[in-house]
Amino acid sequence: MTVQAHLESLEKKHVALEEELHLALTSPSINDITIADIKRRKLRVKDEIQRLRSSVH
């Protein structure tokens, strides 16, 4: 997998996590631990995107 393809994959994953987070925040049955987990996963993906972008430039 090329770096560009990996970046695109991570960006799609980030968008999916953003949607998952939005749904979790609007659902009263989702607990705070689940929301924190989604936020952590989203942040890890964002950090990986930034790391890859900085290594390319």
C-alpha atoms as a PDB file:
ATOM      1  CA  MET A   1       0.000   0.000   0.000  1.00  0.00           C
ATOM      2  CA  THR A   2       1.384   3.379  -0.946  1.00  0.00           C
ATOM      3  CA  VAL A   3       1.571   6.191   1.561  1.00  0.00           C
ATOM      4  CA  GLN A   4      -1.118   8.076  -0.364  1.00  0.00           C
ATOM      5  CA  ALA A   5      -3.453   5.077  -0.327  1.00  0.00           C
ATOM      6  CA  HIS A   6      -2.819   4.617   3.392  1.00  0.00           C
ATOM      7  CA  LEU A   7      -3.601   8.291   3.996  1.00  0.00           C
ATOM      8  CA  GLU A   8      -6.862   7.991   2.070  1.00  0.00           C
ATOM      9  CA  SER A   9      -7.792   4.918   4.074  1.00  0.00           C
ATOM     10  CA  LEU A  10      -7.072   6.699   7.350  1.00  0.00           C
ATOM     11  CA  GLU A  11      -9.063   9.753   6.257  1.00  0.00           C
ATOM     12  CA  LYS A  12     -12.071   7.540   5.486  1.00  0.00           C
ATOM     13  CA  LYS A  13     -11.691   5.876   8.869  1.00  0.00           C
ATOM     14  CA  HIS A  14     -11.552   9.310  10.531  1.00  0.00           C
ATOM     15  CA  VAL A  15     -14.793  10.357   8.811  1.00  0.00           C
ATOM     16  CA  ALA A  16     -16.453   7.093   9.854  1.00  0.00           C
ATOM     17  CA  LEU A  17     -15.375   7.654  13.463  1.00  0.00           C
ATOM     18  CA  GLU A  18     -16.729  11.214  13.310  1.00  0.00           C
ATOM     19  CA  GLU A  19     -20.099   9.829  12.194  1.00  0.00           C
ATOM     20  CA  GLU A  20     -19.979   7.147  14.890  1.00  0.00           C
ATOM     21  CA  LEU A  21     -19.225   9.806  17.500  1.00  0.00           C
ATOM     22  CA  HIS A  22     -22.094  11.991  16.306  1.00  0.00           C
ATOM     23  CA  LEU A  23     -24.513   9.066  16.556  1.00  0.00           C
ATOM     24  CA  ALA A  24     -23.198   8.161  20.011  1.00  0.00           C
ATOM     25  CA  LEU A  25     -23.580  11.717  21.275  1.00  0.00           C
ATOM     26  CA  THR A  26     -27.183  11.893  20.077  1.00  0.00           C
ATOM     27  CA  SER A  27     -28.109   8.499  21.516  1.00  0.00           C
ATOM     28  CA  PRO A  28     -29.116   8.541  25.180  1.00  0.00           C
ATOM     29  CA  SER A  29     -28.306   4.840  25.591  1.00  0.00           C
ATOM     30  CA  ILE A  30     -24.568   5.277  24.853  1.00  0.00           C
ATOM     31  CA  ASN A  31     -22.425   5.693  27.961  1.00  0.00           C
ATOM     32  CA  ASP A  32     -19.524   8.079  28.492  1.00  0.00           C
ATOM     33  CA  ILE A  33     -16.930   5.291  28.342  1.00  0.00           C
ATOM     34  CA  THR A  34     -18.005   4.374  24.812  1.00  0.00           C
ATOM     35  CA  ILE A  35     -17.896   8.013  23.729  1.00  0.00           C
ATOM     36  CA  ALA A  36     -14.402   8.413  25.228  1.00  0.00           C
ATOM     37  CA  ASP A  37     -13.269   5.278  23.382  1.00  0.00           C
ATOM     38  CA  ILE A  38     -14.528   6.636  20.056  1.00  0.00           C
ATOM     39  CA  LYS A  39     -12.768   9.951  20.710  1.00  0.00           C
ATOM     40  CA  ARG A  40      -9.508   8.134  21.554  1.00  0.00           C
ATOM     41  CA  ARG A  41      -9.664   6.050  18.367  1.00  0.00           C
ATOM     42  CA  LYS A  42     -10.433   9.166  16.323  1.00  0.00           C
ATOM     43  CA  LEU A  43      -7.475  11.013  17.856  1.00  0.00           C
ATOM     44  CA  ARG A  44      -5.122   8.079  17.149  1.00  0.00           C
ATOM     45  CA  VAL A  45      -6.205   8.080  13.500  1.00  0.00           C
ATOM     46  CA  LYS A  46      -5.772  11.858  13.274  1.00  0.00           C
ATOM     47  CA  ASP A  47      -2.282  11.624  14.806  1.00  0.00           C
ATOM     48  CA  GLU A  48      -1.341   8.897  12.322  1.00  0.00           C
ATOM     49  CA  ILE A  49      -2.600  11.042   9.420  1.00  0.00           C
ATOM     50  CA  GLN A  50      -0.508  13.986  10.625  1.00  0.00           C
ATOM     51  CA  ARG A  51       2.547  11.780  11.119  1.00  0.00           C
ATOM     52  CA  LEU A  52       2.274  10.381   7.596  1.00  0.00           C
ATOM     53  CA  ARG A  53       1.723  13.810   6.066  1.00  0.00           C
ATOM     54  CA  SER A  54       4.781  15.221   7.814  1.00  0.00           C
ATOM     55  CA  SER A  55       6.942  12.300   6.680  1.00  0.00           C
ATOM     56  CA  VAL A  56       5.905  12.834   3.050  1.00  0.00           C
ATOM     57  CA  HIS A  57       6.747  16.561   3.000  1.00  0.00           C
END
